[in-house]
Amino acid sequence: MNRLLAWGLLLGAASALAQGYPSKPIKLVVGYPPGGSGDFTTRIIADELSKDLGVTVVVENRPGAGGTIASEYVAKSTADGYTVLNQGHHAIGKALYKNLGYDGDRDFIPVCRVATGTTVLVVNNNLPANSLRELIAYAKSNPGKLFSASAGFGSAPHLASVGFEAAAGVKFTTVQFKGGGPAAQSLLAGDTQVMFATSPTVMGFIKAGRMRPLAVSKREASASIPGIPGAEEAGLPGFESTFWFGLYVPAGTPTTAVQRLHAAAAKGLAKGEVRERIASQGMDATPSASPQAFAAEIREEAPMWERVVRDSGAKVD
C-alpha cells in the first residue's frame, strides 16, 4: 500500500511538472558568434518560442570548433527542457573530430528543423576576379597564395570551401575563425581575399558594395538570394553545398517538453512574416512535421553528411 501511494505521488508530481512547463526562462545555445546564420536563426526562433511559451528565451553564443563546443555544453546540461541547442547535423562534427566529448546520436533528442540555406562565395573588392571563372583561373595561376576566411572547422562555409577547391582544382590557404562574423571582417580588411559565407553574414556588405559576390554554392541560383548566379551558370557545373539548422535538447528531456517546444517552433516558422524574415537572409523556413520526423530525417541524412566530409577532404589537423 505504501509503495502504491509513493508511486501515485511520483506520478502526480511528474504530471504537475509536465503541465507547468515551461515555468522559467529557457536558454537557447548556438555554437557561433553574432553575425552569421547560426546566430540569426537562433534569435528568430528564440523570439517565436518566447511568444508562444510565455517565458523569456535567452540566446547564449558559445562559438568555436564548428559548433561542437556548444553541442558538448548542451549534451551535458540538465535534461529538463530549459537548455536547447540550435545546430546543424551532428554527423559533420563526428566525421571531423576524433575525440568529441559527446555522442551526437545518443546524447540529443531532435526537436525541429528551423531553416535551410546555401552559402555565398565572395571576394575582396581588390582581388582581380570579377567572375567565378576569373577566380578559378587566378587561383590556378597562384596556388596557395589566396587566403580563404573560414567560419570554423566543420561549419557550412568550411565544407563549401573545401568542396569548391576539390571541384575547381584549386588550392587556397585557409584561415579558421570562430564564426562567420570575424571571418567577414578579415575579408573586408584585406587580410583574406576569398570566403564562403552564409548569406546573413555578408548580404549587408554585398548590398553596400564592400565585397563582391561571385556565386552561390548551389547548382542553380537561389530565389532567396536574387542576383547572384548558381555555380553551374557561373562556370562550375556539379558543385553544390547547402546547410541547415535545427533545435535539439539533451537526451532524457521529458517528451511533454519536447512536444511543447516543437509545437511552438513550428507555429512560429509557419508565420508569413517570419518566413519572409528568414528568406530576406537567403534561407528558407523548413520546420519538421514532428520531433519524430526530424529524427528520421537526421538518420536518413547521416551517411550523406559523412560522405560530404570525407569526399571534401575537410579534417581537423
C-alpha atoms as a PDB file:
ATOM      1  CA  MET A   1       0.000   0.000   0.000  1.00  0.00           C
ATOM      2  CA  ASN A   2       2.831   2.378   0.866  1.00  0.00           C
ATOM      3  CA  ARG A   3       4.540   1.552  -2.417  1.00  0.00           C
ATOM      4  CA  LEU A   4       1.353   2.281  -4.339  1.00  0.00           C
ATOM      5  CA  LEU A   5       0.953   5.570  -2.505  1.00  0.00           C
ATOM      6  CA  ALA A   6       4.550   6.562  -3.233  1.00  0.00           C
ATOM      7  CA  TRP A   7       4.143   5.650  -6.908  1.00  0.00           C
ATOM      8  CA  GLY A   8       0.948   7.678  -7.112  1.00  0.00           C
ATOM      9  CA  LEU A   9       2.644  10.683  -5.553  1.00  0.00           C
ATOM     10  CA  LEU A  10       5.540  10.344  -8.022  1.00  0.00           C
ATOM     11  CA  LEU A  11       3.194  10.222 -10.993  1.00  0.00           C
ATOM     12  CA  GLY A  12       1.291  13.218  -9.663  1.00  0.00           C
ATOM     13  CA  ALA A  13       4.482  15.225  -9.307  1.00  0.00           C
ATOM     14  CA  ALA A  14       5.578  14.307 -12.853  1.00  0.00           C
ATOM     15  CA  SER A  15       2.174  15.293 -14.225  1.00  0.00           C
ATOM     16  CA  ALA A  16       2.283  18.636 -12.432  1.00  0.00           C
ATOM     17  CA  LEU A  17       5.779  19.272 -13.773  1.00  0.00           C
ATOM     18  CA  ALA A  18       4.663  18.492 -17.324  1.00  0.00           C
ATOM     19  CA  GLN A  19       1.626  20.756 -17.078  1.00  0.00           C
ATOM     20  CA  GLY A  20       3.753  23.560 -15.662  1.00  0.00           C
ATOM     21  CA  TYR A  21       6.358  23.543 -18.443  1.00  0.00           C
ATOM     22  CA  PRO A  22       7.804  25.999 -19.022  1.00  0.00           C
ATOM     23  CA  SER A  23       7.831  27.871 -15.745  1.00  0.00           C
ATOM     24  CA  LYS A  24      11.150  29.721 -16.033  1.00  0.00           C
ATOM     25  CA  PRO A  25      13.454  31.182 -18.722  1.00  0.00           C
ATOM     26  CA  ILE A  26      14.849  28.864 -21.386  1.00  0.00           C
ATOM     27  CA  LYS A  27      18.454  29.037 -22.597  1.00  0.00           C
ATOM     28  CA  LEU A  28      18.905  28.625 -26.364  1.00  0.00           C
ATOM     29  CA  VAL A  29      22.560  27.892 -27.182  1.00  0.00           C
ATOM     30  CA  VAL A  30      24.244  28.366 -30.558  1.00  0.00           C
ATOM     31  CA  GLY A  31      27.804  27.439 -31.477  1.00  0.00           C
ATOM     32  CA  TYR A  32      28.590  30.569 -33.493  1.00  0.00           C
ATOM     33  CA  PRO A  33      29.125  34.261 -32.668  1.00  0.00           C
ATOM     34  CA  PRO A  34      26.778  37.090 -33.690  1.00  0.00           C
ATOM     35  CA  GLY A  35      26.775  37.958 -37.374  1.00  0.00           C
ATOM     36  CA  GLY A  36      26.123  34.642 -39.111  1.00  0.00           C
ATOM     37  CA  SER A  37      23.232  32.366 -39.983  1.00  0.00           C
ATOM     38  CA  GLY A  38      23.524  30.358 -36.770  1.00  0.00           C
ATOM     39  CA  ASP A  39      23.017  33.432 -34.616  1.00  0.00           C
ATOM     40  CA  PHE A  40      20.390  34.861 -36.988  1.00  0.00           C
ATOM     41  CA  THR A  41      18.193  31.753 -36.982  1.00  0.00           C
ATOM     42  CA  THR A  42      18.672  31.332 -33.226  1.00  0.00           C
ATOM     43  CA  ARG A  43      17.411  34.818 -32.436  1.00  0.00           C
ATOM     44  CA  ILE A  44      14.425  34.492 -34.759  1.00  0.00           C
ATOM     45  CA  ILE A  45      13.316  31.182 -33.259  1.00  0.00           C
ATOM     46  CA  ALA A  46      14.049  32.426 -29.720  1.00  0.00           C
ATOM     47  CA  ASP A  47      11.587  35.281 -30.250  1.00  0.00           C
ATOM     48  CA  GLU A  48       8.924  32.912 -31.544  1.00  0.00           C
ATOM     49  CA  LEU A  49       9.426  30.406 -28.724  1.00  0.00           C
ATOM     50  CA  SER A  50       9.198  33.204 -26.174  1.00  0.00           C
ATOM     51  CA  LYS A  51       5.908  34.474 -27.634  1.00  0.00           C
ATOM     52  CA  ASP A  52       4.257  31.079 -27.656  1.00  0.00           C
ATOM     53  CA  LEU A  53       5.680  29.623 -24.434  1.00  0.00           C
ATOM     54  CA  GLY A  54       5.208  32.774 -22.380  1.00  0.00           C
ATOM     55  CA  VAL A  55       8.711  32.796 -20.903  1.00  0.00           C
ATOM     56  CA  THR A  56      11.962  34.567 -21.777  1.00  0.00           C
ATOM     57  CA  VAL A  57      14.200  32.614 -24.166  1.00  0.00           C
ATOM     58  CA  VAL A  58      17.797  33.758 -23.681  1.00  0.00           C
ATOM     59  CA  VAL A  59      20.273  33.279 -26.553  1.00  0.00           C
ATOM     60  CA  GLU A  60      23.740  32.198 -25.483  1.00  0.00           C
ATOM     61  CA  ASN A  61      26.608  32.184 -28.016  1.00  0.00           C
ATOM     62  CA  ARG A  62      29.285  29.538 -27.360  1.00  0.00           C
ATOM     63  CA  PRO A  63      31.381  29.739 -30.544  1.00  0.00           C
ATOM     64  CA  GLY A  64      34.228  27.564 -31.690  1.00  0.00           C
ATOM     65  CA  ALA A  65      35.144  24.202 -33.244  1.00  0.00           C
ATOM     66  CA  GLY A  66      32.307  24.181 -35.771  1.00  0.00           C
ATOM     67  CA  GLY A  67      29.610  24.255 -33.128  1.00  0.00           C
ATOM     68  CA  THR A  68      30.928  21.271 -31.171  1.00  0.00           C
ATOM     69  CA  ILE A  69      31.741  23.359 -28.082  1.00  0.00           C
ATOM     70  CA  ALA A  70      28.103  24.414 -27.807  1.00  0.00           C
ATOM     71  CA  SER A  71      26.918  20.896 -28.589  1.00  0.00           C
ATOM     72  CA  GLU A  72      29.002  19.390 -25.802  1.00  0.00           C
ATOM     73  CA  TYR A  73      27.746  22.007 -23.359  1.00  0.00           C
ATOM     74  CA  VAL A  74      24.103  21.225 -24.136  1.00  0.00           C
ATOM     75  CA  ALA A  75      24.680  17.468 -24.201  1.00  0.00           C
ATOM     76  CA  LYS A  76      25.952  17.670 -20.622  1.00  0.00           C
ATOM     77  CA  SER A  77      23.220  20.042 -19.420  1.00  0.00           C
ATOM     78  CA  THR A  78      20.267  19.020 -17.264  1.00  0.00           C
ATOM     79  CA  ALA A  79      17.649  17.269 -19.385  1.00  0.00           C
ATOM     80  CA  ASP A  80      14.669  19.323 -18.247  1.00  0.00           C
ATOM     81  CA  GLY A  81      13.719  21.295 -21.375  1.00  0.00           C
ATOM     82  CA  TYR A  82      15.362  24.518 -20.221  1.00  0.00           C
ATOM     83  CA  THR A  83      18.575  24.184 -22.264  1.00  0.00           C
ATOM     84  CA  VAL A  84      18.113  23.933 -26.043  1.00  0.00           C
ATOM     85  CA  LEU A  85      20.645  23.804 -28.893  1.00  0.00           C
ATOM     86  CA  ASN A  86      20.395  25.287 -32.403  1.00  0.00           C
ATOM     87  CA  GLN A  87      22.852  23.365 -34.560  1.00  0.00           C
ATOM     88  CA  GLY A  88      23.321  21.542 -37.862  1.00  0.00           C
ATOM     89  CA  HIS A  89      23.769  17.811 -38.373  1.00  0.00           C
ATOM     90  CA  HIS A  90      25.936  16.191 -35.688  1.00  0.00           C
ATOM     91  CA  ALA A  91      27.362  13.751 -38.246  1.00  0.00           C
ATOM     92  CA  ILE A  92      29.560  16.596 -39.522  1.00  0.00           C
ATOM     93  CA  GLY A  93      31.343  17.059 -36.188  1.00  0.00           C
ATOM     94  CA  LYS A  94      31.574  13.295 -35.735  1.00  0.00           C
ATOM     95  CA  ALA A  95      33.308  12.945 -39.115  1.00  0.00           C
ATOM     96  CA  LEU A  96      35.728  15.804 -38.408  1.00  0.00           C
ATOM     97  CA  TYR A  97      36.736  15.269 -34.778  1.00  0.00           C
ATOM     98  CA  LYS A  98      38.140  12.070 -33.293  1.00  0.00           C
ATOM     99  CA  ASN A  99      37.582  12.817 -29.614  1.00  0.00           C
ATOM    100  CA  LEU A 100      34.300  14.622 -29.132  1.00  0.00           C
ATOM    101  CA  GLY A 101      33.021  14.868 -25.570  1.00  0.00           C
ATOM    102  CA  TYR A 102      29.558  13.725 -26.614  1.00  0.00           C
ATOM    103  CA  ASP A 103      27.743  11.373 -28.981  1.00  0.00           C
ATOM    104  CA  GLY A 104      25.512  13.213 -31.441  1.00  0.00           C
ATOM    105  CA  ASP A 105      23.209  10.231 -31.881  1.00  0.00           C
ATOM    106  CA  ARG A 106      22.933   9.176 -28.233  1.00  0.00           C
ATOM    107  CA  ASP A 107      23.082  12.451 -26.313  1.00  0.00           C
ATOM    108  CA  PHE A 108      20.374  14.509 -28.057  1.00  0.00           C
ATOM    109  CA  ILE A 109      16.687  14.444 -28.874  1.00  0.00           C
ATOM    110  CA  PRO A 110      15.905  16.253 -32.166  1.00  0.00           C
ATOM    111  CA  VAL A 111      13.065  18.768 -31.788  1.00  0.00           C
ATOM    112  CA  CYS A 112      12.513  20.661 -35.048  1.00  0.00           C
ATOM    113  CA  ARG A 113      14.405  21.724 -38.134  1.00  0.00           C
ATOM    114  CA  VAL A 114      14.440  25.525 -38.370  1.00  0.00           C
ATOM    115  CA  ALA A 115      15.875  26.723 -41.692  1.00  0.00           C
ATOM    116  CA  THR A 116      17.810  25.555 -44.737  1.00  0.00           C
ATOM    117  CA  GLY A 117      20.167  27.669 -46.812  1.00  0.00           C
ATOM    118  CA  THR A 118      23.137  27.939 -49.109  1.00  0.00           C
ATOM    119  CA  THR A 119      26.447  29.764 -48.848  1.00  0.00           C
ATOM    120  CA  VAL A 120      27.727  32.647 -50.954  1.00  0.00           C
ATOM    121  CA  LEU A 121      31.198  32.880 -52.475  1.00  0.00           C
ATOM    122  CA  VAL A 122      32.511  36.426 -52.032  1.00  0.00           C
ATOM    123  CA  VAL A 123      35.877  38.058 -52.666  1.00  0.00           C
ATOM    124  CA  ASN A 124      37.657  41.180 -51.503  1.00  0.00           C
ATOM    125  CA  ASN A 125      36.995  44.122 -53.821  1.00  0.00           C
ATOM    126  CA  ASN A 126      40.713  44.474 -54.588  1.00  0.00           C
ATOM    127  CA  LEU A 127      41.025  40.933 -55.942  1.00  0.00           C
ATOM    128  CA  PRO A 128      41.300  40.969 -59.777  1.00  0.00           C
ATOM    129  CA  ALA A 129      38.454  38.488 -60.256  1.00  0.00           C
ATOM    130  CA  ASN A 130      35.007  39.673 -61.315  1.00  0.00           C
ATOM    131  CA  SER A 131      33.540  36.247 -62.030  1.00  0.00           C
ATOM    132  CA  LEU A 132      33.838  32.669 -60.812  1.00  0.00           C
ATOM    133  CA  ARG A 133      35.760  31.674 -63.934  1.00  0.00           C
ATOM    134  CA  GLU A 134      38.236  34.514 -63.339  1.00  0.00           C
ATOM    135  CA  LEU A 135      38.660  33.481 -59.693  1.00  0.00           C
ATOM    136  CA  ILE A 136      39.389  29.876 -60.669  1.00  0.00           C
ATOM    137  CA  ALA A 137      41.910  30.986 -63.302  1.00  0.00           C
ATOM    138  CA  TYR A 138      43.603  33.348 -60.844  1.00  0.00           C
ATOM    139  CA  ALA A 139      43.743  30.676 -58.115  1.00  0.00           C
ATOM    140  CA  LYS A 140      45.268  28.146 -60.514  1.00  0.00           C
ATOM    141  CA  SER A 141      47.912  30.676 -61.505  1.00  0.00           C
ATOM    142  CA  ASN A 142      48.631  31.480 -57.852  1.00  0.00           C
ATOM    143  CA  PRO A 143      48.286  28.180 -55.923  1.00  0.00           C
ATOM    144  CA  GLY A 144      48.146  28.692 -52.150  1.00  0.00           C
ATOM    145  CA  LYS A 145      48.519  32.463 -52.425  1.00  0.00           C
ATOM    146  CA  LEU A 146      44.839  33.263 -51.927  1.00  0.00           C
ATOM    147  CA  PHE A 147      43.822  33.307 -48.267  1.00  0.00           C
ATOM    148  CA  SER A 148      40.358  31.937 -47.601  1.00  0.00           C
ATOM    149  CA  ALA A 149      38.464  33.044 -44.480  1.00  0.00           C
ATOM    150  CA  SER A 150      36.573  30.169 -42.855  1.00  0.00           C
ATOM    151  CA  ALA A 151      33.837  30.300 -40.195  1.00  0.00           C
ATOM    152  CA  GLY A 152      35.434  27.353 -38.376  1.00  0.00           C
ATOM    153  CA  PHE A 153      36.178  23.657 -38.881  1.00  0.00           C
ATOM    154  CA  GLY A 154      33.063  21.768 -39.891  1.00  0.00           C
ATOM    155  CA  SER A 155      30.951  24.870 -40.496  1.00  0.00           C
ATOM    156  CA  ALA A 156      28.868  25.081 -43.671  1.00  0.00           C
ATOM    157  CA  PRO A 157      31.249  27.667 -45.223  1.00  0.00           C
ATOM    158  CA  HIS A 158      34.250  25.468 -44.410  1.00  0.00           C
ATOM    159  CA  LEU A 159      32.708  22.421 -46.098  1.00  0.00           C
ATOM    160  CA  ALA A 160      31.639  24.538 -49.073  1.00  0.00           C
ATOM    161  CA  SER A 161      35.149  25.928 -49.449  1.00  0.00           C
ATOM    162  CA  VAL A 162      36.985  22.601 -49.395  1.00  0.00           C
ATOM    163  CA  GLY A 163      34.361  21.111 -51.703  1.00  0.00           C
ATOM    164  CA  PHE A 164      34.872  24.016 -54.087  1.00  0.00           C
ATOM    165  CA  GLU A 165      38.640  23.554 -54.063  1.00  0.00           C
ATOM    166  CA  ALA A 166      38.227  19.898 -54.983  1.00  0.00           C
ATOM    167  CA  ALA A 167      35.664  20.606 -57.713  1.00  0.00           C
ATOM    168  CA  ALA A 168      37.569  23.542 -59.223  1.00  0.00           C
ATOM    169  CA  GLY A 169      41.038  22.045 -58.866  1.00  0.00           C
ATOM    170  CA  VAL A 170      42.403  24.984 -56.895  1.00  0.00           C
ATOM    171  CA  LYS A 171      44.127  25.383 -53.538  1.00  0.00           C
ATOM    172  CA  PHE A 172      43.504  28.148 -51.008  1.00  0.00           C
ATOM    173  CA  THR A 173      45.384  28.838 -47.783  1.00  0.00           C
ATOM    174  CA  THR A 174      42.569  28.569 -45.259  1.00  0.00           C
ATOM    175  CA  VAL A 175      42.432  30.722 -42.120  1.00  0.00           C
ATOM    176  CA  GLN A 176      39.992  29.495 -39.457  1.00  0.00           C
ATOM    177  CA  PHE A 177      37.926  31.944 -37.405  1.00  0.00           C
ATOM    178  CA  LYS A 178      35.366  31.455 -34.625  1.00  0.00           C
ATOM    179  CA  GLY A 179      32.401  32.189 -36.845  1.00  0.00           C
ATOM    180  CA  GLY A 180      31.361  33.998 -39.997  1.00  0.00           C
ATOM    181  CA  GLY A 181      31.374  37.491 -38.476  1.00  0.00           C
ATOM    182  CA  PRO A 182      35.107  37.560 -37.654  1.00  0.00           C
ATOM    183  CA  ALA A 183      35.869  35.849 -40.980  1.00  0.00           C
ATOM    184  CA  ALA A 184      33.979  38.560 -42.887  1.00  0.00           C
ATOM    185  CA  GLN A 185      35.885  41.285 -41.050  1.00  0.00           C
ATOM    186  CA  SER A 186      39.165  39.734 -42.186  1.00  0.00           C
ATOM    187  CA  LEU A 187      37.948  39.765 -45.794  1.00  0.00           C
ATOM    188  CA  LEU A 188      36.907  43.408 -45.535  1.00  0.00           C
ATOM    189  CA  ALA A 189      40.309  44.289 -44.092  1.00  0.00           C
ATOM    190  CA  GLY A 190      42.081  42.504 -46.937  1.00  0.00           C
ATOM    191  CA  ASP A 191      43.788  40.012 -44.631  1.00  0.00           C
ATOM    192  CA  THR A 192      41.963  37.302 -46.592  1.00  0.00           C
ATOM    193  CA  GLN A 193      40.810  37.513 -50.198  1.00  0.00           C
ATOM    194  CA  VAL A 194      38.092  34.879 -50.647  1.00  0.00           C
ATOM    195  CA  MET A 195      35.338  33.482 -48.464  1.00  0.00           C
ATOM    196  CA  PHE A 196      32.314  31.197 -48.483  1.00  0.00           C
ATOM    197  CA  ALA A 197      29.737  32.628 -46.093  1.00  0.00           C
ATOM    198  CA  THR A 198      26.162  32.143 -45.027  1.00  0.00           C
ATOM    199  CA  SER A 199      24.059  34.904 -46.531  1.00  0.00           C
ATOM    200  CA  PRO A 200      23.170  36.699 -43.247  1.00  0.00           C
ATOM    201  CA  THR A 201      26.896  37.169 -42.675  1.00  0.00           C
ATOM    202  CA  VAL A 202      27.590  39.020 -45.913  1.00  0.00           C
ATOM    203  CA  MET A 203      24.392  40.295 -47.552  1.00  0.00           C
ATOM    204  CA  GLY A 204      24.678  43.708 -45.865  1.00  0.00           C
ATOM    205  CA  PHE A 205      28.265  44.080 -47.070  1.00  0.00           C
ATOM    206  CA  ILE A 206      27.318  42.932 -50.577  1.00  0.00           C
ATOM    207  CA  LYS A 207      24.467  45.457 -50.802  1.00  0.00           C
ATOM    208  CA  ALA A 208      26.811  48.184 -49.578  1.00  0.00           C
ATOM    209  CA  GLY A 209      29.355  47.268 -52.254  1.00  0.00           C
ATOM    210  CA  ARG A 210      32.024  46.355 -49.695  1.00  0.00           C
ATOM    211  CA  MET A 211      32.637  42.849 -51.076  1.00  0.00           C
ATOM    212  CA  ARG A 212      31.940  41.156 -54.393  1.00  0.00           C
ATOM    213  CA  PRO A 213      29.693  38.063 -54.739  1.00  0.00           C
ATOM    214  CA  LEU A 214      30.606  35.567 -57.453  1.00  0.00           C
ATOM    215  CA  ALA A 215      28.222  32.636 -56.941  1.00  0.00           C
ATOM    216  CA  VAL A 216      26.018  30.740 -54.518  1.00  0.00           C
ATOM    217  CA  SER A 217      27.001  27.193 -53.575  1.00  0.00           C
ATOM    218  CA  LYS A 218      24.077  25.594 -55.417  1.00  0.00           C
ATOM    219  CA  ARG A 219      23.893  24.391 -58.989  1.00  0.00           C
ATOM    220  CA  GLU A 220      21.121  26.856 -59.747  1.00  0.00           C
ATOM    221  CA  ALA A 221      20.582  30.400 -58.494  1.00  0.00           C
ATOM    222  CA  SER A 222      18.626  30.735 -55.242  1.00  0.00           C
ATOM    223  CA  ALA A 223      15.296  32.598 -55.200  1.00  0.00           C
ATOM    224  CA  SER A 224      16.149  33.676 -51.637  1.00  0.00           C
ATOM    225  CA  ILE A 225      19.393  35.304 -52.808  1.00  0.00           C
ATOM    226  CA  PRO A 226      18.473  37.075 -56.064  1.00  0.00           C
ATOM    227  CA  GLY A 227      21.038  38.492 -58.410  1.00  0.00           C
ATOM    228  CA  ILE A 228      23.840  36.004 -57.690  1.00  0.00           C
ATOM    229  CA  PRO A 229      24.368  33.128 -60.147  1.00  0.00           C
ATOM    230  CA  GLY A 230      24.385  29.458 -59.225  1.00  0.00           C
ATOM    231  CA  ALA A 231      27.631  27.525 -59.572  1.00  0.00           C
ATOM    232  CA  GLU A 232      26.671  25.904 -62.875  1.00  0.00           C
ATOM    233  CA  GLU A 233      25.741  29.201 -64.515  1.00  0.00           C
ATOM    234  CA  ALA A 234      28.881  30.821 -63.092  1.00  0.00           C
ATOM    235  CA  GLY A 235      31.129  28.171 -64.612  1.00  0.00           C
ATOM    236  CA  LEU A 236      31.480  25.233 -62.208  1.00  0.00           C
ATOM    237  CA  PRO A 237      28.929  22.509 -63.093  1.00  0.00           C
ATOM    238  CA  GLY A 238      28.217  19.852 -60.467  1.00  0.00           C
ATOM    239  CA  PHE A 239      29.283  21.828 -57.412  1.00  0.00           C
ATOM    240  CA  GLU A 240      26.718  22.199 -54.627  1.00  0.00           C
ATOM    241  CA  SER A 241      26.854  22.687 -50.848  1.00  0.00           C
ATOM    242  CA  THR A 242      23.890  23.521 -48.588  1.00  0.00           C
ATOM    243  CA  PHE A 243      23.251  23.551 -44.825  1.00  0.00           C
ATOM    244  CA  TRP A 244      20.516  23.653 -42.193  1.00  0.00           C
ATOM    245  CA  PHE A 245      19.945  24.458 -38.524  1.00  0.00           C
ATOM    246  CA  GLY A 246      17.628  22.692 -36.110  1.00  0.00           C
ATOM    247  CA  LEU A 247      16.696  22.502 -32.438  1.00  0.00           C
ATOM    248  CA  TYR A 248      17.891  19.747 -30.092  1.00  0.00           C
ATOM    249  CA  VAL A 249      17.573  19.043 -26.357  1.00  0.00           C
ATOM    250  CA  PRO A 250      19.636  16.728 -24.145  1.00  0.00           C
ATOM    251  CA  ALA A 251      18.672  13.049 -24.139  1.00  0.00           C
ATOM    252  CA  GLY A 252      16.277  12.309 -21.318  1.00  0.00           C
ATOM    253  CA  THR A 253      14.301  15.525 -21.698  1.00  0.00           C
ATOM    254  CA  PRO A 254      10.606  14.809 -20.934  1.00  0.00           C
ATOM    255  CA  THR A 255       8.504  14.071 -24.003  1.00  0.00           C
ATOM    256  CA  THR A 256       5.990  16.736 -22.992  1.00  0.00           C
ATOM    257  CA  ALA A 257       8.717  19.400 -23.111  1.00  0.00           C
ATOM    258  CA  VAL A 258       9.971  18.154 -26.488  1.00  0.00           C
ATOM    259  CA  GLN A 259       6.469  18.249 -27.948  1.00  0.00           C
ATOM    260  CA  ARG A 260       5.784  21.697 -26.482  1.00  0.00           C
ATOM    261  CA  LEU A 261       8.998  23.104 -27.930  1.00  0.00           C
ATOM    262  CA  HIS A 262       8.266  21.589 -31.338  1.00  0.00           C
ATOM    263  CA  ALA A 263       4.734  22.988 -31.423  1.00  0.00           C
ATOM    264  CA  ALA A 264       5.955  26.478 -30.542  1.00  0.00           C
ATOM    265  CA  ALA A 265       8.789  26.369 -33.110  1.00  0.00           C
ATOM    266  CA  ALA A 266       6.570  25.039 -35.922  1.00  0.00           C
ATOM    267  CA  LYS A 267       3.889  27.622 -35.159  1.00  0.00           C
ATOM    268  CA  GLY A 268       6.401  30.467 -35.311  1.00  0.00           C
ATOM    269  CA  LEU A 269       8.046  29.205 -38.515  1.00  0.00           C
ATOM    270  CA  ALA A 270       4.664  28.971 -40.233  1.00  0.00           C
ATOM    271  CA  LYS A 271       4.042  32.716 -39.856  1.00  0.00           C
ATOM    272  CA  GLY A 272       4.321  34.644 -43.103  1.00  0.00           C
ATOM    273  CA  GLU A 273       6.348  37.458 -41.565  1.00  0.00           C
ATOM    274  CA  VAL A 274       8.818  35.000 -40.015  1.00  0.00           C
ATOM    275  CA  ARG A 275       9.252  33.138 -43.305  1.00  0.00           C
ATOM    276  CA  GLU A 276       9.847  36.481 -45.037  1.00  0.00           C
ATOM    277  CA  ARG A 277      12.492  37.487 -42.483  1.00  0.00           C
ATOM    278  CA  ILE A 278      14.291  34.190 -42.981  1.00  0.00           C
ATOM    279  CA  ALA A 279      14.005  34.477 -46.772  1.00  0.00           C
ATOM    280  CA  SER A 280      15.425  38.012 -46.616  1.00  0.00           C
ATOM    281  CA  GLN A 281      18.660  36.460 -45.394  1.00  0.00           C
ATOM    282  CA  GLY A 282      18.856  33.845 -48.137  1.00  0.00           C
ATOM    283  CA  MET A 283      17.322  30.897 -46.292  1.00  0.00           C
ATOM    284  CA  ASP A 284      14.029  29.031 -46.211  1.00  0.00           C
ATOM    285  CA  ALA A 285      11.986  28.172 -43.113  1.00  0.00           C
ATOM    286  CA  THR A 286      11.763  24.359 -43.110  1.00  0.00           C
ATOM    287  CA  PRO A 287      10.068  23.165 -39.897  1.00  0.00           C
ATOM    288  CA  SER A 288       9.798  19.408 -39.377  1.00  0.00           C
ATOM    289  CA  ALA A 289       6.342  17.859 -39.114  1.00  0.00           C
ATOM    290  CA  SER A 290       7.210  16.411 -35.691  1.00  0.00           C
ATOM    291  CA  PRO A 291      10.210  15.579 -33.498  1.00  0.00           C
ATOM    292  CA  GLN A 292       9.978  12.008 -34.772  1.00  0.00           C
ATOM    293  CA  ALA A 293      10.024  13.211 -38.384  1.00  0.00           C
ATOM    294  CA  PHE A 294      13.071  15.375 -37.680  1.00  0.00           C
ATOM    295  CA  ALA A 295      14.850  12.411 -36.066  1.00  0.00           C
ATOM    296  CA  ALA A 296      14.068  10.284 -39.121  1.00  0.00           C
ATOM    297  CA  GLU A 297      15.419  12.995 -41.437  1.00  0.00           C
ATOM    298  CA  ILE A 298      18.626  13.133 -39.404  1.00  0.00           C
ATOM    299  CA  ARG A 299      19.101   9.352 -39.569  1.00  0.00           C
ATOM    300  CA  GLU A 300      18.490   9.361 -43.309  1.00  0.00           C
ATOM    301  CA  GLU A 301      20.920  12.224 -43.966  1.00  0.00           C
ATOM    302  CA  ALA A 302      23.763  10.988 -41.725  1.00  0.00           C
ATOM    303  CA  PRO A 303      25.557   8.861 -44.372  1.00  0.00           C
ATOM    304  CA  MET A 304      25.368  11.737 -46.857  1.00  0.00           C
ATOM    305  CA  TRP A 305      26.970  14.229 -44.446  1.00  0.00           C
ATOM    306  CA  GLU A 306      29.683  11.743 -43.512  1.00  0.00           C
ATOM    307  CA  ARG A 307      30.401  11.232 -47.214  1.00  0.00           C
ATOM    308  CA  VAL A 308      30.461  15.003 -47.842  1.00  0.00           C
ATOM    309  CA  VAL A 309      33.092  15.499 -45.142  1.00  0.00           C
ATOM    310  CA  ARG A 310      35.136  12.534 -46.327  1.00  0.00           C
ATOM    311  CA  ASP A 311      34.994  13.412 -50.021  1.00  0.00           C
ATOM    312  CA  SER A 312      35.722  17.089 -49.405  1.00  0.00           C
ATOM    313  CA  GLY A 313      38.921  16.248 -47.559  1.00  0.00           C
ATOM    314  CA  ALA A 314      37.930  18.509 -44.666  1.00  0.00           C
ATOM    315  CA  LYS A 315      39.641  17.498 -41.439  1.00  0.00           C
ATOM    316  CA  VAL A 316      40.976  18.967 -38.216  1.00  0.00           C
ATOM    317  CA  ASP A 317      44.765  18.934 -38.176  1.00  0.00           C
END
